[in-house]
Amino acid sequence: MTDALTQPDTPEPQERRSTSWVTDAELIRRSGVPEKIMREALHMFDADPKSGFPRKQKLYGDRRYWPAVELYWAKNNGLISPQDRKTA
């Protein structure tokens, strides 16, 4: 029996990785974070309007813009310096 909290999902096909607007399920698969943990994190982000995490856009079927998600993670994990944050 595998533990859903520790086992990563299988890699997704190339065409899915190139999609700009993702559902939460797609975001979770792409993140590599266990579903239970990421769903809790998304719930926290959505509950806090000041979190800065990309919001779901009604116009695009309640999907999030994947490049903005990656930028959020880069900024919050020190991959973009404070100087660069002013322009990013």
PDB file of N, CA and C in Angstrom:
ATOM      1  N   MET A   1       0.854  -1.183   0.000  1.00  0.00           N
ATOM      2  CA  MET A   1       0.000   0.000   0.000  1.00  0.00           C
ATOM      3  C   MET A   1       0.896   1.242   0.000  1.00  0.00           C
ATOM      4  N   THR A   2       0.583   2.215  -0.835  1.00  0.00           N
ATOM      5  CA  THR A   2       1.382   3.434  -0.896  1.00  0.00           C
ATOM      6  C   THR A   2       0.738   4.527  -0.064  1.00  0.00           C
ATOM      7  N   ASP A   3       1.561   5.409   0.446  1.00  0.00           N
ATOM      8  CA  ASP A   3       1.095   6.529   1.255  1.00  0.00           C
ATOM      9  C   ASP A   3       0.922   7.743   0.355  1.00  0.00           C
ATOM     10  N   ALA A   4      -0.304   8.247   0.233  1.00  0.00           N
ATOM     11  CA  ALA A   4      -0.600   9.374  -0.661  1.00  0.00           C
ATOM     12  C   ALA A   4       0.125  10.643  -0.234  1.00  0.00           C
ATOM     13  N   LEU A   5       0.568  10.718   1.017  1.00  0.00           N
ATOM     14  CA  LEU A   5       1.262  11.927   1.468  1.00  0.00           C
ATOM     15  C   LEU A   5       2.734  11.929   1.095  1.00  0.00           C
ATOM     16  N   THR A   6       3.289  10.791   0.759  1.00  0.00           N
ATOM     17  CA  THR A   6       4.716  10.755   0.462  1.00  0.00           C
ATOM     18  C   THR A   6       5.031  10.354  -0.971  1.00  0.00           C
ATOM     19  N   GLN A   7       4.082   9.790  -1.684  1.00  0.00           N
ATOM     20  CA  GLN A   7       4.329   9.332  -3.037  1.00  0.00           C
ATOM     21  C   GLN A   7       3.985  10.425  -4.043  1.00  0.00           C
ATOM     22  N   PRO A   8       4.948  10.847  -4.881  1.00  0.00           N
ATOM     23  CA  PRO A   8       4.652  11.843  -5.901  1.00  0.00           C
ATOM     24  C   PRO A   8       3.783  11.250  -7.000  1.00  0.00           C
ATOM     25  N   ASP A   9       3.004  12.112  -7.647  1.00  0.00           N
ATOM     26  CA  ASP A   9       2.208  11.674  -8.783  1.00  0.00           C
ATOM     27  C   ASP A   9       3.136  11.367  -9.952  1.00  0.00           C
ATOM     28  N   THR A  10       2.636  10.588 -10.893  1.00  0.00           N
ATOM     29  CA  THR A  10       3.422  10.300 -12.086  1.00  0.00           C
ATOM     30  C   THR A  10       3.524  11.554 -12.938  1.00  0.00           C
ATOM     31  N   PRO A  11       4.602  11.685 -13.696  1.00  0.00           N
ATOM     32  CA  PRO A  11       4.746  12.870 -14.550  1.00  0.00           C
ATOM     33  C   PRO A  11       3.586  12.969 -15.536  1.00  0.00           C
ATOM     34  N   GLU A  12       3.213  14.188 -15.855  1.00  0.00           N
ATOM     35  CA  GLU A  12       2.097  14.384 -16.771  1.00  0.00           C
ATOM     36  C   GLU A  12       2.595  14.569 -18.201  1.00  0.00           C
ATOM     37  N   PRO A  13       1.734  14.332 -19.179  1.00  0.00           N
ATOM     38  CA  PRO A  13       2.134  14.497 -20.573  1.00  0.00           C
ATOM     39  C   PRO A  13       2.577  15.922 -20.874  1.00  0.00           C
ATOM     40  N   GLN A  14       3.431  16.080 -21.880  1.00  0.00           N
ATOM     41  CA  GLN A  14       3.971  17.390 -22.254  1.00  0.00           C
ATOM     42  C   GLN A  14       2.869  18.396 -22.542  1.00  0.00           C
ATOM     43  N   GLU A  15       1.797  17.995 -23.214  1.00  0.00           N
ATOM     44  CA  GLU A  15       0.757  18.958 -23.568  1.00  0.00           C
ATOM     45  C   GLU A  15       0.102  19.577 -22.339  1.00  0.00           C
ATOM     46  N   ARG A  16      -0.011  18.845 -21.269  1.00  0.00           N
ATOM     47  CA  ARG A  16      -0.599  19.396 -20.045  1.00  0.00           C
ATOM     48  C   ARG A  16       0.346  20.381 -19.383  1.00  0.00           C
ATOM     49  N   ARG A  17       1.653  20.122 -19.454  1.00  0.00           N
ATOM     50  CA  ARG A  17       2.615  21.026 -18.834  1.00  0.00           C
ATOM     51  C   ARG A  17       2.630  22.381 -19.529  1.00  0.00           C
ATOM     52  N   SER A  18       2.243  22.432 -20.784  1.00  0.00           N
ATOM     53  CA  SER A  18       2.294  23.693 -21.511  1.00  0.00           C
ATOM     54  C   SER A  18       1.016  24.510 -21.367  1.00  0.00           C
ATOM     55  N   THR A  19       0.026  24.015 -20.629  1.00  0.00           N
ATOM     56  CA  THR A  19      -1.226  24.733 -20.414  1.00  0.00           C
ATOM     57  C   THR A  19      -0.990  25.900 -19.471  1.00  0.00           C
ATOM     58  N   SER A  20      -1.472  27.087 -19.861  1.00  0.00           N
ATOM     59  CA  SER A  20      -1.257  28.285 -19.035  1.00  0.00           C
ATOM     60  C   SER A  20      -2.243  28.399 -17.886  1.00  0.00           C
ATOM     61  N   TRP A  21      -3.478  28.014 -18.106  1.00  0.00           N
ATOM     62  CA  TRP A  21      -4.512  28.143 -17.080  1.00  0.00           C
ATOM     63  C   TRP A  21      -4.797  26.766 -16.505  1.00  0.00           C
ATOM     64  N   VAL A  22      -4.588  26.605 -15.184  1.00  0.00           N
ATOM     65  CA  VAL A  22      -4.688  25.285 -14.570  1.00  0.00           C
ATOM     66  C   VAL A  22      -5.747  25.245 -13.469  1.00  0.00           C
ATOM     67  N   THR A  23      -6.379  24.096 -13.363  1.00  0.00           N
ATOM     68  CA  THR A  23      -7.279  23.844 -12.247  1.00  0.00           C
ATOM     69  C   THR A  23      -6.425  23.576 -11.017  1.00  0.00           C
ATOM     70  N   ASP A  24      -7.058  23.538  -9.857  1.00  0.00           N
ATOM     71  CA  ASP A  24      -6.302  23.210  -8.649  1.00  0.00           C
ATOM     72  C   ASP A  24      -5.730  21.801  -8.724  1.00  0.00           C
ATOM     73  N   ALA A  25      -6.469  20.877  -9.327  1.00  0.00           N
ATOM     74  CA  ALA A  25      -5.964  19.501  -9.462  1.00  0.00           C
ATOM     75  C   ALA A  25      -4.702  19.481 -10.327  1.00  0.00           C
ATOM     76  N   GLU A  26      -4.695  20.240 -11.425  1.00  0.00           N
ATOM     77  CA  GLU A  26      -3.508  20.309 -12.275  1.00  0.00           C
ATOM     78  C   GLU A  26      -2.353  20.981 -11.538  1.00  0.00           C
ATOM     79  N   LEU A  27      -2.654  22.031 -10.789  1.00  0.00           N
ATOM     80  CA  LEU A  27      -1.636  22.735 -10.012  1.00  0.00           C
ATOM     81  C   LEU A  27      -0.986  21.779  -9.014  1.00  0.00           C
ATOM     82  N   ILE A  28      -1.800  20.989  -8.348  1.00  0.00           N
ATOM     83  CA  ILE A  28      -1.291  20.031  -7.367  1.00  0.00           C
ATOM     84  C   ILE A  28      -0.386  19.009  -8.045  1.00  0.00           C
ATOM     85  N   ARG A  29      -0.804  18.482  -9.191  1.00  0.00           N
ATOM     86  CA  ARG A  29       0.028  17.512  -9.922  1.00  0.00           C
ATOM     87  C   ARG A  29       1.362  18.132 -10.311  1.00  0.00           C
ATOM     88  N   ARG A  30       1.318  19.361 -10.835  1.00  0.00           N
ATOM     89  CA  ARG A  30       2.552  20.012 -11.280  1.00  0.00           C
ATOM     90  C   ARG A  30       3.484  20.348 -10.117  1.00  0.00           C
ATOM     91  N   SER A  31       2.907  20.646  -8.957  1.00  0.00           N
ATOM     92  CA  SER A  31       3.727  21.060  -7.818  1.00  0.00           C
ATOM     93  C   SER A  31       4.575  19.929  -7.265  1.00  0.00           C
ATOM     94  N   GLY A  32       4.066  18.711  -7.349  1.00  0.00           N
ATOM     95  CA  GLY A  32       4.772  17.583  -6.752  1.00  0.00           C
ATOM     96  C   GLY A  32       4.552  17.463  -5.256  1.00  0.00           C
ATOM     97  N   VAL A  33       3.737  18.359  -4.697  1.00  0.00           N
ATOM     98  CA  VAL A  33       3.422  18.325  -3.268  1.00  0.00           C
ATOM     99  C   VAL A  33       2.233  17.374  -3.082  1.00  0.00           C
ATOM    100  N   PRO A  34       2.254  16.551  -2.040  1.00  0.00           N
ATOM    101  CA  PRO A  34       1.111  15.655  -1.802  1.00  0.00           C
ATOM    102  C   PRO A  34      -0.214  16.417  -1.783  1.00  0.00           C
ATOM    103  N   GLU A  35      -1.230  15.796  -2.345  1.00  0.00           N
ATOM    104  CA  GLU A  35      -2.528  16.449  -2.532  1.00  0.00           C
ATOM    105  C   GLU A  35      -3.100  17.028  -1.241  1.00  0.00           C
ATOM    106  N   LYS A  36      -3.088  16.268  -0.177  1.00  0.00           N
ATOM    107  CA  LYS A  36      -3.685  16.749   1.075  1.00  0.00           C
ATOM    108  C   LYS A  36      -2.992  18.022   1.556  1.00  0.00           C
ATOM    109  N   ILE A  37      -1.682  18.058   1.476  1.00  0.00           N
ATOM    110  CA  ILE A  37      -0.923  19.224   1.933  1.00  0.00           C
ATOM    111  C   ILE A  37      -1.202  20.429   1.035  1.00  0.00           C
ATOM    112  N   MET A  38      -1.163  20.209  -0.285  1.00  0.00           N
ATOM    113  CA  MET A  38      -1.366  21.342  -1.195  1.00  0.00           C
ATOM    114  C   MET A  38      -2.788  21.854  -1.144  1.00  0.00           C
ATOM    115  N   ARG A  39      -3.772  20.989  -1.012  1.00  0.00           N
ATOM    116  CA  ARG A  39      -5.162  21.458  -0.911  1.00  0.00           C
ATOM    117  C   ARG A  39      -5.331  22.353   0.323  1.00  0.00           C
ATOM    118  N   GLU A  40      -4.712  21.976   1.431  1.00  0.00           N
ATOM    119  CA  GLU A  40      -4.772  22.804   2.636  1.00  0.00           C
ATOM    120  C   GLU A  40      -4.092  24.149   2.398  1.00  0.00           C
ATOM    121  N   ALA A  41      -2.950  24.134   1.712  1.00  0.00           N
ATOM    122  CA  ALA A  41      -2.233  25.377   1.417  1.00  0.00           C
ATOM    123  C   ALA A  41      -3.069  26.269   0.505  1.00  0.00           C
ATOM    124  N   LEU A  42      -3.683  25.695  -0.527  1.00  0.00           N
ATOM    125  CA  LEU A  42      -4.516  26.489  -1.431  1.00  0.00           C
ATOM    126  C   LEU A  42      -5.697  27.101  -0.688  1.00  0.00           C
ATOM    127  N   HIS A  43      -6.267  26.337   0.219  1.00  0.00           N
ATOM    128  CA  HIS A  43      -7.376  26.859   1.023  1.00  0.00           C
ATOM    129  C   HIS A  43      -6.909  28.055   1.865  1.00  0.00           C
ATOM    130  N   MET A  44      -5.721  27.943   2.459  1.00  0.00           N
ATOM    131  CA  MET A  44      -5.176  29.059   3.249  1.00  0.00           C
ATOM    132  C   MET A  44      -4.910  30.272   2.358  1.00  0.00           C
ATOM    133  N   PHE A  45      -4.299  30.051   1.190  1.00  0.00           N
ATOM    134  CA  PHE A  45      -4.025  31.156   0.267  1.00  0.00           C
ATOM    135  C   PHE A  45      -5.318  31.853  -0.146  1.00  0.00           C
ATOM    136  N   ASP A  46      -6.342  31.062  -0.480  1.00  0.00           N
ATOM    137  CA  ASP A  46      -7.608  31.633  -0.944  1.00  0.00           C
ATOM    138  C   ASP A  46      -8.339  32.378   0.168  1.00  0.00           C
ATOM    139  N   ALA A  47      -8.151  31.951   1.414  1.00  0.00           N
ATOM    140  CA  ALA A  47      -8.820  32.596   2.542  1.00  0.00           C
ATOM    141  C   ALA A  47      -8.174  33.924   2.912  1.00  0.00           C
ATOM    142  N   ASP A  48      -6.931  34.127   2.480  1.00  0.00           N
ATOM    143  CA  ASP A  48      -6.197  35.352   2.822  1.00  0.00           C
ATOM    144  C   ASP A  48      -5.968  36.198   1.572  1.00  0.00           C
ATOM    145  N   PRO A  49      -6.760  37.262   1.389  1.00  0.00           N
ATOM    146  CA  PRO A  49      -6.614  38.089   0.184  1.00  0.00           C
ATOM    147  C   PRO A  49      -5.244  38.752   0.069  1.00  0.00           C
ATOM    148  N   LYS A  50      -4.490  38.817   1.158  1.00  0.00           N
ATOM    149  CA  LYS A  50      -3.164  39.441   1.136  1.00  0.00           C
ATOM    150  C   LYS A  50      -2.040  38.438   0.919  1.00  0.00           C
ATOM    151  N   SER A  51      -2.389  37.185   0.673  1.00  0.00           N
ATOM    152  CA  SER A  51      -1.355  36.154   0.504  1.00  0.00           C
ATOM    153  C   SER A  51      -0.500  36.397  -0.734  1.00  0.00           C
ATOM    154  N   GLY A  52      -1.074  37.004  -1.744  1.00  0.00           N
ATOM    155  CA  GLY A  52      -0.335  37.239  -2.978  1.00  0.00           C
ATOM    156  C   GLY A  52      -0.352  36.053  -3.922  1.00  0.00           C
ATOM    157  N   PHE A  53      -0.936  34.945  -3.476  1.00  0.00           N
ATOM    158  CA  PHE A  53      -0.999  33.773  -4.350  1.00  0.00           C
ATOM    159  C   PHE A  53      -2.020  34.034  -5.446  1.00  0.00           C
ATOM    160  N   PRO A  54      -1.717  33.637  -6.687  1.00  0.00           N
ATOM    161  CA  PRO A  54      -2.639  33.898  -7.799  1.00  0.00           C
ATOM    162  C   PRO A  54      -4.044  33.365  -7.543  1.00  0.00           C
ATOM    163  N   ARG A  55      -5.004  34.204  -7.800  1.00  0.00           N
ATOM    164  CA  ARG A  55      -6.412  33.852  -7.592  1.00  0.00           C
ATOM    165  C   ARG A  55      -6.969  33.113  -8.802  1.00  0.00           C
ATOM    166  N   LYS A  56      -8.016  32.351  -8.556  1.00  0.00           N
ATOM    167  CA  LYS A  56      -8.743  31.722  -9.656  1.00  0.00           C
ATOM    168  C   LYS A  56      -9.453  32.831 -10.430  1.00  0.00           C
ATOM    169  N   GLN A  57      -9.493  32.684 -11.753  1.00  0.00           N
ATOM    170  CA  GLN A  57     -10.130  33.672 -12.614  1.00  0.00           C
ATOM    171  C   GLN A  57     -11.401  33.076 -13.211  1.00  0.00           C
ATOM    172  N   LYS A  58     -12.540  33.694 -12.898  1.00  0.00           N
ATOM    173  CA  LYS A  58     -13.833  33.209 -13.407  1.00  0.00           C
ATOM    174  C   LYS A  58     -13.835  33.135 -14.931  1.00  0.00           C
ATOM    175  N   LEU A  59     -13.251  34.156 -15.568  1.00  0.00           N
ATOM    176  CA  LEU A  59     -13.227  34.230 -17.028  1.00  0.00           C
ATOM    177  C   LEU A  59     -12.596  32.988 -17.656  1.00  0.00           C
ATOM    178  N   TYR A  60     -11.670  32.371 -16.945  1.00  0.00           N
ATOM    179  CA  TYR A  60     -10.959  31.205 -17.460  1.00  0.00           C
ATOM    180  C   TYR A  60     -11.375  29.926 -16.748  1.00  0.00           C
ATOM    181  N   GLY A  61     -12.627  29.846 -16.355  1.00  0.00           N
ATOM    182  CA  GLY A  61     -13.157  28.617 -15.761  1.00  0.00           C
ATOM    183  C   GLY A  61     -12.641  28.326 -14.372  1.00  0.00           C
ATOM    184  N   ASP A  62     -12.454  29.384 -13.567  1.00  0.00           N
ATOM    185  CA  ASP A  62     -11.945  29.227 -12.194  1.00  0.00           C
ATOM    186  C   ASP A  62     -10.587  28.534 -12.170  1.00  0.00           C
ATOM    187  N   ARG A  63      -9.746  28.934 -13.117  1.00  0.00           N
ATOM    188  CA  ARG A  63      -8.381  28.405 -13.171  1.00  0.00           C
ATOM    189  C   ARG A  63      -7.398  29.492 -12.762  1.00  0.00           C
ATOM    190  N   ARG A  64      -6.204  29.055 -12.384  1.00  0.00           N
ATOM    191  CA  ARG A  64      -5.127  29.980 -12.016  1.00  0.00           C
ATOM    192  C   ARG A  64      -4.117  30.043 -13.160  1.00  0.00           C
ATOM    193  N   TYR A  65      -3.475  31.180 -13.292  1.00  0.00           N
ATOM    194  CA  TYR A  65      -2.480  31.367 -14.341  1.00  0.00           C
ATOM    195  C   TYR A  65      -1.168  30.746 -13.881  1.00  0.00           C
ATOM    196  N   TRP A  66      -0.756  29.654 -14.522  1.00  0.00           N
ATOM    197  CA  TRP A  66       0.398  28.884 -14.086  1.00  0.00           C
ATOM    198  C   TRP A  66       1.683  29.706 -14.002  1.00  0.00           C
ATOM    199  N   PRO A  67       2.019  30.547 -14.990  1.00  0.00           N
ATOM    200  CA  PRO A  67       3.252  31.334 -14.848  1.00  0.00           C
ATOM    201  C   PRO A  67       3.249  32.220 -13.592  1.00  0.00           C
ATOM    202  N   ALA A  68       2.081  32.720 -13.191  1.00  0.00           N
ATOM    203  CA  ALA A  68       2.001  33.530 -11.972  1.00  0.00           C
ATOM    204  C   ALA A  68       2.230  32.676 -10.728  1.00  0.00           C
ATOM    205  N   VAL A  69       1.758  31.438 -10.751  1.00  0.00           N
ATOM    206  CA  VAL A  69       1.989  30.517  -9.634  1.00  0.00           C
ATOM    207  C   VAL A  69       3.490  30.261  -9.496  1.00  0.00           C
ATOM    208  N   GLU A  70       4.156  29.982 -10.631  1.00  0.00           N
ATOM    209  CA  GLU A  70       5.597  29.736 -10.586  1.00  0.00           C
ATOM    210  C   GLU A  70       6.356  30.973 -10.101  1.00  0.00           C
ATOM    211  N   LEU A  71       5.938  32.152 -10.531  1.00  0.00           N
ATOM    212  CA  LEU A  71       6.583  33.383 -10.082  1.00  0.00           C
ATOM    213  C   LEU A  71       6.386  33.577  -8.580  1.00  0.00           C
ATOM    214  N   TYR A  72       5.179  33.310  -8.080  1.00  0.00           N
ATOM    215  CA  TYR A  72       4.912  33.409  -6.638  1.00  0.00           C
ATOM    216  C   TYR A  72       5.882  32.508  -5.872  1.00  0.00           C
ATOM    217  N   TRP A  73       6.016  31.254  -6.324  1.00  0.00           N
ATOM    218  CA  TRP A  73       6.909  30.325  -5.636  1.00  0.00           C
ATOM    219  C   TRP A  73       8.354  30.791  -5.714  1.00  0.00           C
ATOM    220  N   ALA A  74       8.771  31.299  -6.854  1.00  0.00           N
ATOM    221  CA  ALA A  74      10.145  31.783  -7.008  1.00  0.00           C
ATOM    222  C   ALA A  74      10.416  32.934  -6.045  1.00  0.00           C
ATOM    223  N   LYS A  75       9.489  33.873  -5.950  1.00  0.00           N
ATOM    224  CA  LYS A  75       9.664  35.020  -5.057  1.00  0.00           C
ATOM    225  C   LYS A  75       9.716  34.575  -3.600  1.00  0.00           C
ATOM    226  N   ASN A  76       8.831  33.663  -3.235  1.00  0.00           N
ATOM    227  CA  ASN A  76       8.717  33.258  -1.838  1.00  0.00           C
ATOM    228  C   ASN A  76       9.731  32.218  -1.406  1.00  0.00           C
ATOM    229  N   ASN A  77      10.550  31.774  -2.332  1.00  0.00           N
ATOM    230  CA  ASN A  77      11.607  30.823  -1.994  1.00  0.00           C
ATOM    231  C   ASN A  77      12.985  31.375  -2.289  1.00  0.00           C
ATOM    232  N   GLY A  78      13.063  32.698  -2.414  1.00  0.00           N
ATOM    233  CA  GLY A  78      14.350  33.364  -2.532  1.00  0.00           C
ATOM    234  C   GLY A  78      15.027  33.264  -3.890  1.00  0.00           C
ATOM    235  N   LEU A  79      14.308  32.823  -4.921  1.00  0.00           N
ATOM    236  CA  LEU A  79      14.919  32.714  -6.243  1.00  0.00           C
ATOM    237  C   LEU A  79      14.928  34.045  -6.985  1.00  0.00           C
ATOM    238  N   ILE A  80      14.152  34.978  -6.485  1.00  0.00           N
ATOM    239  CA  ILE A  80      14.142  36.334  -7.037  1.00  0.00           C
ATOM    240  C   ILE A  80      14.561  37.257  -5.901  1.00  0.00           C
ATOM    241  N   SER A  81      15.595  38.060  -6.142  1.00  0.00           N
ATOM    242  CA  SER A  81      16.123  38.927  -5.090  1.00  0.00           C
ATOM    243  C   SER A  81      15.147  40.071  -4.785  1.00  0.00           C
ATOM    244  N   PRO A  82      15.272  40.713  -3.609  1.00  0.00           N
ATOM    245  CA  PRO A  82      14.413  41.849  -3.274  1.00  0.00           C
ATOM    246  C   PRO A  82      14.458  42.948  -4.338  1.00  0.00           C
ATOM    247  N   GLN A  83      15.609  43.176  -4.950  1.00  0.00           N
ATOM    248  CA  GLN A  83      15.710  44.176  -6.021  1.00  0.00           C
ATOM    249  C   GLN A  83      14.850  43.781  -7.203  1.00  0.00           C
ATOM    250  N   ASP A  84      14.909  42.508  -7.576  1.00  0.00           N
ATOM    251  CA  ASP A  84      14.139  42.021  -8.719  1.00  0.00           C
ATOM    252  C   ASP A  84      12.633  42.020  -8.445  1.00  0.00           C
ATOM    253  N   ARG A  85      12.256  41.929  -7.178  1.00  0.00           N
ATOM    254  CA  ARG A  85      10.832  41.888  -6.837  1.00  0.00           C
ATOM    255  C   ARG A  85      10.105  43.155  -7.239  1.00  0.00           C
ATOM    256  N   LYS A  86      10.823  44.246  -7.313  1.00  0.00           N
ATOM    257  CA  LYS A  86      10.192  45.517  -7.669  1.00  0.00           C
ATOM    258  C   LYS A  86       9.729  45.505  -9.122  1.00  0.00           C
ATOM    259  N   THR A  87      10.389  44.732  -9.953  1.00  0.00           N
ATOM    260  CA  THR A  87      10.026  44.691 -11.372  1.00  0.00           C
ATOM    261  C   THR A  87       9.265  43.430 -11.749  1.00  0.00           C
ATOM    262  N   ALA A  88       9.318  42.413 -10.893  1.00  0.00           N
ATOM    263  CA  ALA A  88       8.658  41.150 -11.231  1.00  0.00           C
ATOM    264  C   ALA A  88       7.209  41.144 -10.789  1.00  0.00           C
TER     265      ALA A  88
END
